[in-house]
C-alpha cells in the first residue's frame, strides 16, 4: 500500500417499490423483486458509460477495484441483488472481478479493505450504510464539514469521492452530480435531503456551488460503446 487512493461511492440503482414503477428484472429479463427495475438497468448502463468509456477521466476515472454488496447475503428482509447488478455491466466492460464478499452491514470490514487498497476504487452499496457506516469508519475521526449527513431516498445520481495521495494523509472530498439520466439533478444532497429543508426539486436552487458543484458530462452523441454486449465490450449479456 504505497500509492495514491481514490474511493468513489455510488448507491445501488433504482429498485422495486420506489418512485420509478415496474417490477424488478434480472439481466436475463426474469421478474425478480430483488433486482433492478428498468430505470435501474438504464442507470447501470449510464454508470458503465461514465466510468468505462473515458468521457471524463479526471472526475470519473475508471476503477481498478469494485466493491458491491454480496447478492446472496441476507440483510433486513432478505438478500438484494441490486448493488451487484448496478456495477456488473461496468465490471464486465473493464474486465474487473467485483469484490462481493461483504454483506450490507459489514461496513467496518469494507472500510478496512478500502483503506488497504490503492488506485481507484468504486463502491456500490446502500445509501444509509455508506453514510452511516463505511464512510465514518474510513475517515477514522476526520471531520469534513461539507460531507452530507443524509441521502435522499429518491436520489440515485450522486458520486461521493474521496482522495488521498499517501496513506495517513487526510482525505479530500467532493460530491459530484453527473446528471446521466432525465430527471437527475445537480442539487446537492444535505442533511434534509434538499437545501433549505425542501421536500423536492421545486424547493431547491437551480445550481449547486462550492465543493458540491456538479460535474456534468458532455457525452458525444454517437460512437460510444456503453453496455456489455456492445461491439467494444464483448459478450452479449447485459
C-alpha atoms as a PDB file:
ATOM      1  CA  UNK A   1       0.000   0.000   0.000  1.00  0.00           C
ATOM      2  CA  UNK A   2       2.228   2.772  -1.249  1.00  0.00           C
ATOM      3  CA  UNK A   3       0.250   4.580  -3.926  1.00  0.00           C
ATOM      4  CA  UNK A   4      -2.497   7.148  -4.017  1.00  0.00           C
ATOM      5  CA  UNK A   5      -6.079   6.122  -3.410  1.00  0.00           C
ATOM      6  CA  UNK A   6      -9.373   7.387  -4.805  1.00  0.00           C
ATOM      7  CA  UNK A   7     -12.592   5.952  -3.385  1.00  0.00           C
ATOM      8  CA  UNK A   8     -15.886   6.763  -5.101  1.00  0.00           C
ATOM      9  CA  UNK A   9     -19.250   5.812  -3.626  1.00  0.00           C
ATOM     10  CA  UNK A  10     -22.473   5.315  -5.555  1.00  0.00           C
ATOM     11  CA  UNK A  11     -25.656   3.717  -4.304  1.00  0.00           C
ATOM     12  CA  UNK A  12     -27.375   0.809  -5.988  1.00  0.00           C
ATOM     13  CA  UNK A  13     -29.636   1.844  -8.861  1.00  0.00           C
ATOM     14  CA  UNK A  14     -33.418   2.084  -8.783  1.00  0.00           C
ATOM     15  CA  UNK A  15     -35.235  -0.897  -7.298  1.00  0.00           C
ATOM     16  CA  UNK A  16     -38.868  -2.029  -6.855  1.00  0.00           C
ATOM     17  CA  UNK A  17     -41.238  -0.089  -4.578  1.00  0.00           C
ATOM     18  CA  UNK A  18     -39.533   3.235  -5.273  1.00  0.00           C
ATOM     19  CA  UNK A  19     -40.550   6.284  -7.273  1.00  0.00           C
ATOM     20  CA  UNK A  20     -39.982   4.503 -10.577  1.00  0.00           C
ATOM     21  CA  UNK A  21     -42.705   1.992 -11.447  1.00  0.00           C
ATOM     22  CA  UNK A  22     -42.455  -1.595 -12.509  1.00  0.00           C
ATOM     23  CA  UNK A  23     -41.213  -4.875 -11.174  1.00  0.00           C
ATOM     24  CA  UNK A  24     -37.583  -5.839 -10.874  1.00  0.00           C
ATOM     25  CA  UNK A  25     -35.903  -7.919 -13.569  1.00  0.00           C
ATOM     26  CA  UNK A  26     -32.721  -9.948 -13.691  1.00  0.00           C
ATOM     27  CA  UNK A  27     -30.283  -9.317 -16.525  1.00  0.00           C
ATOM     28  CA  UNK A  28     -31.973 -12.222 -18.313  1.00  0.00           C
ATOM     29  CA  UNK A  29     -35.344 -10.450 -18.173  1.00  0.00           C
ATOM     30  CA  UNK A  30     -36.853 -12.657 -15.470  1.00  0.00           C
ATOM     31  CA  UNK A  31     -39.139 -10.907 -12.987  1.00  0.00           C
ATOM     32  CA  UNK A  32     -37.410 -10.714  -9.595  1.00  0.00           C
ATOM     33  CA  UNK A  33     -38.376  -8.476  -6.660  1.00  0.00           C
ATOM     34  CA  UNK A  34     -34.725  -8.403  -5.506  1.00  0.00           C
ATOM     35  CA  UNK A  35     -33.460  -6.972  -8.803  1.00  0.00           C
ATOM     36  CA  UNK A  36     -33.402  -3.574 -10.512  1.00  0.00           C
ATOM     37  CA  UNK A  37     -36.377  -2.042 -12.279  1.00  0.00           C
ATOM     38  CA  UNK A  38     -35.996  -0.904 -15.892  1.00  0.00           C
ATOM     39  CA  UNK A  39     -34.873   2.568 -14.801  1.00  0.00           C
ATOM     40  CA  UNK A  40     -32.220   0.912 -12.632  1.00  0.00           C
ATOM     41  CA  UNK A  41     -30.835  -1.061 -15.551  1.00  0.00           C
ATOM     42  CA  UNK A  42     -30.727   2.142 -17.559  1.00  0.00           C
ATOM     43  CA  UNK A  43     -28.668   3.703 -14.778  1.00  0.00           C
ATOM     44  CA  UNK A  44     -26.354   0.702 -14.654  1.00  0.00           C
ATOM     45  CA  UNK A  45     -25.668   1.310 -18.342  1.00  0.00           C
ATOM     46  CA  UNK A  46     -25.145   5.022 -17.710  1.00  0.00           C
ATOM     47  CA  UNK A  47     -22.580   4.324 -14.955  1.00  0.00           C
ATOM     48  CA  UNK A  48     -20.857   1.958 -17.382  1.00  0.00           C
ATOM     49  CA  UNK A  49     -20.533   4.775 -19.900  1.00  0.00           C
ATOM     50  CA  UNK A  50     -19.378   7.301 -17.318  1.00  0.00           C
ATOM     51  CA  UNK A  51     -16.694   5.166 -15.675  1.00  0.00           C
ATOM     52  CA  UNK A  52     -15.894   2.836 -18.546  1.00  0.00           C
ATOM     53  CA  UNK A  53     -15.753   4.972 -21.697  1.00  0.00           C
ATOM     54  CA  UNK A  54     -13.204   7.585 -20.610  1.00  0.00           C
ATOM     55  CA  UNK A  55     -15.609  10.503 -21.035  1.00  0.00           C
ATOM     56  CA  UNK A  56     -14.290  12.443 -18.039  1.00  0.00           C
ATOM     57  CA  UNK A  57     -11.345  10.546 -16.505  1.00  0.00           C
ATOM     58  CA  UNK A  58     -10.343  13.487 -14.317  1.00  0.00           C
ATOM     59  CA  UNK A  59     -13.563  13.477 -12.303  1.00  0.00           C
ATOM     60  CA  UNK A  60     -14.709   9.920 -13.016  1.00  0.00           C
ATOM     61  CA  UNK A  61     -11.664   7.667 -13.518  1.00  0.00           C
ATOM     62  CA  UNK A  62     -12.133   4.014 -14.407  1.00  0.00           C
ATOM     63  CA  UNK A  63     -11.999   1.921 -11.232  1.00  0.00           C
ATOM     64  CA  UNK A  64      -9.349  -0.740 -10.811  1.00  0.00           C
ATOM     65  CA  UNK A  65     -11.314  -2.320  -7.941  1.00  0.00           C
ATOM     66  CA  UNK A  66     -15.080  -2.503  -7.491  1.00  0.00           C
ATOM     67  CA  UNK A  67     -16.970  -3.389  -4.304  1.00  0.00           C
ATOM     68  CA  UNK A  68     -20.640  -4.376  -4.178  1.00  0.00           C
ATOM     69  CA  UNK A  69     -22.903  -5.978  -1.591  1.00  0.00           C
ATOM     70  CA  UNK A  70     -22.867  -9.777  -1.553  1.00  0.00           C
ATOM     71  CA  UNK A  71     -26.058 -10.585  -3.520  1.00  0.00           C
ATOM     72  CA  UNK A  72     -26.551 -13.792  -1.510  1.00  0.00           C
ATOM     73  CA  UNK A  73     -26.127 -12.269   1.974  1.00  0.00           C
ATOM     74  CA  UNK A  74     -29.307 -11.848   3.998  1.00  0.00           C
ATOM     75  CA  UNK A  75     -29.854  -8.352   5.367  1.00  0.00           C
ATOM     76  CA  UNK A  76     -33.106  -6.901   6.633  1.00  0.00           C
ATOM     77  CA  UNK A  77     -35.892  -8.624   4.743  1.00  0.00           C
ATOM     78  CA  UNK A  78     -33.567 -10.710   2.596  1.00  0.00           C
ATOM     79  CA  UNK A  79     -30.690 -10.568   0.124  1.00  0.00           C
ATOM     80  CA  UNK A  80     -30.647  -7.899  -2.569  1.00  0.00           C
ATOM     81  CA  UNK A  81     -29.029  -8.213  -5.963  1.00  0.00           C
ATOM     82  CA  UNK A  82     -29.302  -4.511  -6.753  1.00  0.00           C
ATOM     83  CA  UNK A  83     -25.767  -3.411  -5.845  1.00  0.00           C
ATOM     84  CA  UNK A  84     -24.133  -6.212  -7.797  1.00  0.00           C
ATOM     85  CA  UNK A  85     -26.451  -5.674 -10.767  1.00  0.00           C
ATOM     86  CA  UNK A  86     -25.678  -1.945 -10.776  1.00  0.00           C
ATOM     87  CA  UNK A  87     -21.953  -2.499 -11.307  1.00  0.00           C
ATOM     88  CA  UNK A  88     -21.945  -5.795 -13.233  1.00  0.00           C
ATOM     89  CA  UNK A  89     -22.031  -4.190 -16.729  1.00  0.00           C
ATOM     90  CA  UNK A  90     -19.176  -1.831 -15.783  1.00  0.00           C
ATOM     91  CA  UNK A  91     -17.124  -4.625 -14.233  1.00  0.00           C
ATOM     92  CA  UNK A  92     -17.582  -6.757 -17.341  1.00  0.00           C
ATOM     93  CA  UNK A  93     -16.573  -3.915 -19.621  1.00  0.00           C
ATOM     94  CA  UNK A  94     -13.422  -3.184 -17.614  1.00  0.00           C
ATOM     95  CA  UNK A  95     -12.525  -6.819 -17.012  1.00  0.00           C
ATOM     96  CA  UNK A  96     -12.656  -6.303 -13.236  1.00  0.00           C
ATOM     97  CA  UNK A  97     -13.897  -9.072 -10.935  1.00  0.00           C
ATOM     98  CA  UNK A  98     -16.074  -7.307  -8.320  1.00  0.00           C
ATOM     99  CA  UNK A  99     -15.429  -7.833  -4.629  1.00  0.00           C
ATOM    100  CA  UNK A 100     -18.756  -9.175  -3.306  1.00  0.00           C
ATOM    101  CA  UNK A 101     -17.595 -10.897  -0.135  1.00  0.00           C
ATOM    102  CA  UNK A 102     -19.235  -8.488   2.335  1.00  0.00           C
ATOM    103  CA  UNK A 103     -22.854  -8.230   3.435  1.00  0.00           C
ATOM    104  CA  UNK A 104     -24.634  -4.885   3.501  1.00  0.00           C
ATOM    105  CA  UNK A 105     -23.983  -4.283   7.212  1.00  0.00           C
ATOM    106  CA  UNK A 106     -20.308  -5.294   7.260  1.00  0.00           C
ATOM    107  CA  UNK A 107     -19.332  -1.658   6.957  1.00  0.00           C
ATOM    108  CA  UNK A 108     -16.270  -1.768   9.217  1.00  0.00           C
ATOM    109  CA  UNK A 109     -14.831  -4.668   7.246  1.00  0.00           C
ATOM    110  CA  UNK A 110     -15.422  -2.822   3.970  1.00  0.00           C
ATOM    111  CA  UNK A 111     -13.689   0.297   5.329  1.00  0.00           C
ATOM    112  CA  UNK A 112     -10.661  -1.775   6.382  1.00  0.00           C
ATOM    113  CA  UNK A 113     -10.469  -3.298   2.902  1.00  0.00           C
ATOM    114  CA  UNK A 114     -10.743   0.140   1.313  1.00  0.00           C
ATOM    115  CA  UNK A 115      -8.007   1.624   3.489  1.00  0.00           C
ATOM    116  CA  UNK A 116      -5.710  -1.197   2.437  1.00  0.00           C
ATOM    117  CA  UNK A 117      -6.325  -0.522  -1.266  1.00  0.00           C
ATOM    118  CA  UNK A 118      -4.668   1.774  -3.750  1.00  0.00           C
ATOM    119  CA  UNK A 119      -5.538   3.021  -7.198  1.00  0.00           C
ATOM    120  CA  UNK A 120      -9.171   3.850  -7.987  1.00  0.00           C
ATOM    121  CA  UNK A 121     -11.939   2.057  -6.100  1.00  0.00           C
ATOM    122  CA  UNK A 122     -15.677   2.204  -6.779  1.00  0.00           C
ATOM    123  CA  UNK A 123     -18.072   1.160  -4.014  1.00  0.00           C
ATOM    124  CA  UNK A 124     -21.718   0.446  -4.818  1.00  0.00           C
ATOM    125  CA  UNK A 125     -23.691   0.000  -1.605  1.00  0.00           C
ATOM    126  CA  UNK A 126     -26.820   1.022   0.260  1.00  0.00           C
ATOM    127  CA  UNK A 127     -27.076   4.739   0.987  1.00  0.00           C
ATOM    128  CA  UNK A 128     -27.572   4.507   4.754  1.00  0.00           C
ATOM    129  CA  UNK A 129     -24.697   2.083   5.165  1.00  0.00           C
ATOM    130  CA  UNK A 130     -22.466   4.331   3.033  1.00  0.00           C
ATOM    131  CA  UNK A 131     -23.066   7.471   5.100  1.00  0.00           C
ATOM    132  CA  UNK A 132     -23.678   5.852   8.463  1.00  0.00           C
ATOM    133  CA  UNK A 133     -21.106   3.075   8.400  1.00  0.00           C
ATOM    134  CA  UNK A 134     -18.480   2.827   5.672  1.00  0.00           C
ATOM    135  CA  UNK A 135     -17.516   6.492   5.376  1.00  0.00           C
ATOM    136  CA  UNK A 136     -17.200   7.176   9.143  1.00  0.00           C
ATOM    137  CA  UNK A 137     -15.077   4.040   9.501  1.00  0.00           C
ATOM    138  CA  UNK A 138     -12.932   5.105   6.562  1.00  0.00           C
ATOM    139  CA  UNK A 139     -12.450   8.660   7.877  1.00  0.00           C
ATOM    140  CA  UNK A 140     -11.392   7.459  11.355  1.00  0.00           C
ATOM    141  CA  UNK A 141     -12.450  10.648  13.080  1.00  0.00           C
ATOM    142  CA  UNK A 142     -11.517  13.103  10.334  1.00  0.00           C
ATOM    143  CA  UNK A 143     -14.156  15.836  10.168  1.00  0.00           C
ATOM    144  CA  UNK A 144     -15.379  17.050   6.771  1.00  0.00           C
ATOM    145  CA  UNK A 145     -17.842  19.901   7.197  1.00  0.00           C
ATOM    146  CA  UNK A 146     -19.427  19.563   3.760  1.00  0.00           C
ATOM    147  CA  UNK A 147     -19.980  15.822   3.963  1.00  0.00           C
ATOM    148  CA  UNK A 148     -23.732  15.071   3.690  1.00  0.00           C
ATOM    149  CA  UNK A 149     -25.307  13.518   6.761  1.00  0.00           C
ATOM    150  CA  UNK A 150     -28.320  12.147   4.882  1.00  0.00           C
ATOM    151  CA  UNK A 151     -29.033  10.815   1.393  1.00  0.00           C
ATOM    152  CA  UNK A 152     -32.477  11.400  -0.060  1.00  0.00           C
ATOM    153  CA  UNK A 153     -34.170   8.078  -0.770  1.00  0.00           C
ATOM    154  CA  UNK A 154     -35.041   9.008  -4.348  1.00  0.00           C
ATOM    155  CA  UNK A 155     -31.569  10.260  -5.329  1.00  0.00           C
ATOM    156  CA  UNK A 156     -29.539   7.746  -7.326  1.00  0.00           C
ATOM    157  CA  UNK A 157     -27.458  10.285  -9.266  1.00  0.00           C
ATOM    158  CA  UNK A 158     -24.667  11.077  -6.805  1.00  0.00           C
ATOM    159  CA  UNK A 159     -20.962  10.227  -6.590  1.00  0.00           C
ATOM    160  CA  UNK A 160     -19.186  10.829  -3.268  1.00  0.00           C
ATOM    161  CA  UNK A 161     -15.463  10.967  -3.983  1.00  0.00           C
ATOM    162  CA  UNK A 162     -12.560  10.765  -1.507  1.00  0.00           C
ATOM    163  CA  UNK A 163      -8.898  11.186  -2.471  1.00  0.00           C
ATOM    164  CA  UNK A 164      -5.593  10.847  -0.655  1.00  0.00           C
ATOM    165  CA  UNK A 165      -2.073  10.892  -2.095  1.00  0.00           C
ATOM    166  CA  UNK A 166      -0.408   8.710   0.533  1.00  0.00           C
ATOM    167  CA  UNK A 167      -1.615   6.536   3.435  1.00  0.00           C
ATOM    168  CA  UNK A 168      -2.245   8.572   6.557  1.00  0.00           C
ATOM    169  CA  UNK A 169      -2.899  11.807   4.699  1.00  0.00           C
ATOM    170  CA  UNK A 170      -6.288  13.489   5.366  1.00  0.00           C
ATOM    171  CA  UNK A 171      -8.955  12.712   2.813  1.00  0.00           C
ATOM    172  CA  UNK A 172     -10.091  15.303   0.310  1.00  0.00           C
ATOM    173  CA  UNK A 173     -13.800  15.127  -0.506  1.00  0.00           C
ATOM    174  CA  UNK A 174     -16.062  16.143  -3.372  1.00  0.00           C
ATOM    175  CA  UNK A 175     -19.694  15.379  -4.141  1.00  0.00           C
ATOM    176  CA  UNK A 176     -20.275  15.009  -7.886  1.00  0.00           C
ATOM    177  CA  UNK A 177     -23.539  15.134  -9.815  1.00  0.00           C
ATOM    178  CA  UNK A 178     -23.033  13.859 -13.395  1.00  0.00           C
ATOM    179  CA  UNK A 179     -26.733  14.085 -14.403  1.00  0.00           C
ATOM    180  CA  UNK A 180     -26.732  10.956 -16.520  1.00  0.00           C
ATOM    181  CA  UNK A 181     -30.456  10.345 -16.930  1.00  0.00           C
ATOM    182  CA  UNK A 182     -33.507  12.519 -17.468  1.00  0.00           C
ATOM    183  CA  UNK A 183     -34.680  13.806 -14.102  1.00  0.00           C
ATOM    184  CA  UNK A 184     -31.234  13.688 -12.470  1.00  0.00           C
ATOM    185  CA  UNK A 185     -30.210  16.825 -10.609  1.00  0.00           C
ATOM    186  CA  UNK A 186     -27.194  18.979  -9.779  1.00  0.00           C
ATOM    187  CA  UNK A 187     -28.811  19.943  -6.478  1.00  0.00           C
ATOM    188  CA  UNK A 188     -26.670  18.760  -3.551  1.00  0.00           C
ATOM    189  CA  UNK A 189     -27.888  16.270  -1.009  1.00  0.00           C
ATOM    190  CA  UNK A 190     -27.671  17.595   2.522  1.00  0.00           C
ATOM    191  CA  UNK A 191     -28.950  16.726   5.980  1.00  0.00           C
ATOM    192  CA  UNK A 192     -32.550  17.367   4.922  1.00  0.00           C
ATOM    193  CA  UNK A 193     -32.296  15.785   1.508  1.00  0.00           C
ATOM    194  CA  UNK A 194     -32.684  19.149  -0.257  1.00  0.00           C
ATOM    195  CA  UNK A 195     -31.108  22.523   0.552  1.00  0.00           C
ATOM    196  CA  UNK A 196     -33.155  24.607   2.968  1.00  0.00           C
ATOM    197  CA  UNK A 197     -35.239  21.635   4.088  1.00  0.00           C
ATOM    198  CA  UNK A 198     -37.417  21.497   0.988  1.00  0.00           C
ATOM    199  CA  UNK A 199     -39.195  18.324   0.011  1.00  0.00           C
ATOM    200  CA  UNK A 200     -38.239  18.183  -3.638  1.00  0.00           C
ATOM    201  CA  UNK A 201     -36.503  19.850  -6.574  1.00  0.00           C
ATOM    202  CA  UNK A 202     -39.121  22.611  -6.805  1.00  0.00           C
ATOM    203  CA  UNK A 203     -37.879  23.872  -3.422  1.00  0.00           C
ATOM    204  CA  UNK A 204     -34.212  23.803  -4.364  1.00  0.00           C
ATOM    205  CA  UNK A 205     -31.958  26.355  -6.091  1.00  0.00           C
ATOM    206  CA  UNK A 206     -31.115  25.714  -9.716  1.00  0.00           C
ATOM    207  CA  UNK A 207     -27.349  25.438  -9.351  1.00  0.00           C
ATOM    208  CA  UNK A 208     -25.033  23.855  -6.810  1.00  0.00           C
ATOM    209  CA  UNK A 209     -21.998  25.736  -5.598  1.00  0.00           C
ATOM    210  CA  UNK A 210     -18.673  25.201  -3.869  1.00  0.00           C
ATOM    211  CA  UNK A 211     -17.467  21.680  -3.139  1.00  0.00           C
ATOM    212  CA  UNK A 212     -20.880  20.361  -4.120  1.00  0.00           C
ATOM    213  CA  UNK A 213     -20.650  21.693  -7.661  1.00  0.00           C
ATOM    214  CA  UNK A 214     -21.766  19.219 -10.275  1.00  0.00           C
ATOM    215  CA  UNK A 215     -19.504  17.872 -12.953  1.00  0.00           C
ATOM    216  CA  UNK A 216     -21.746  17.416 -15.997  1.00  0.00           C
ATOM    217  CA  UNK A 217     -20.621  15.047 -18.675  1.00  0.00           C
ATOM    218  CA  UNK A 218     -20.777  16.209 -22.268  1.00  0.00           C
ATOM    219  CA  UNK A 219     -21.038  12.822 -23.930  1.00  0.00           C
ATOM    220  CA  UNK A 220     -20.683  12.667 -27.701  1.00  0.00           C
ATOM    221  CA  UNK A 221     -23.889  11.789 -29.449  1.00  0.00           C
ATOM    222  CA  UNK A 222     -22.514   8.708 -31.160  1.00  0.00           C
ATOM    223  CA  UNK A 223     -19.573   6.362 -31.168  1.00  0.00           C
ATOM    224  CA  UNK A 224     -19.802   5.275 -27.526  1.00  0.00           C
ATOM    225  CA  UNK A 225     -19.956   1.600 -26.652  1.00  0.00           C
ATOM    226  CA  UNK A 226     -21.675   1.820 -23.292  1.00  0.00           C
ATOM    227  CA  UNK A 227     -23.101  -1.570 -22.374  1.00  0.00           C
ATOM    228  CA  UNK A 228     -21.876  -5.105 -22.090  1.00  0.00           C
ATOM    229  CA  UNK A 229     -22.739  -6.677 -25.419  1.00  0.00           C
ATOM    230  CA  UNK A 230     -21.977  -3.540 -27.442  1.00  0.00           C
ATOM    231  CA  UNK A 231     -19.248  -4.076 -30.063  1.00  0.00           C
ATOM    232  CA  UNK A 232     -16.384  -2.859 -27.878  1.00  0.00           C
ATOM    233  CA  UNK A 233     -17.353  -4.802 -24.756  1.00  0.00           C
ATOM    234  CA  UNK A 234     -17.508  -8.459 -25.662  1.00  0.00           C
ATOM    235  CA  UNK A 235     -20.314 -10.723 -24.503  1.00  0.00           C
ATOM    236  CA  UNK A 236     -23.933 -10.347 -25.464  1.00  0.00           C
ATOM    237  CA  UNK A 237     -25.187 -10.394 -21.872  1.00  0.00           C
ATOM    238  CA  UNK A 238     -26.431  -7.313 -20.068  1.00  0.00           C
END
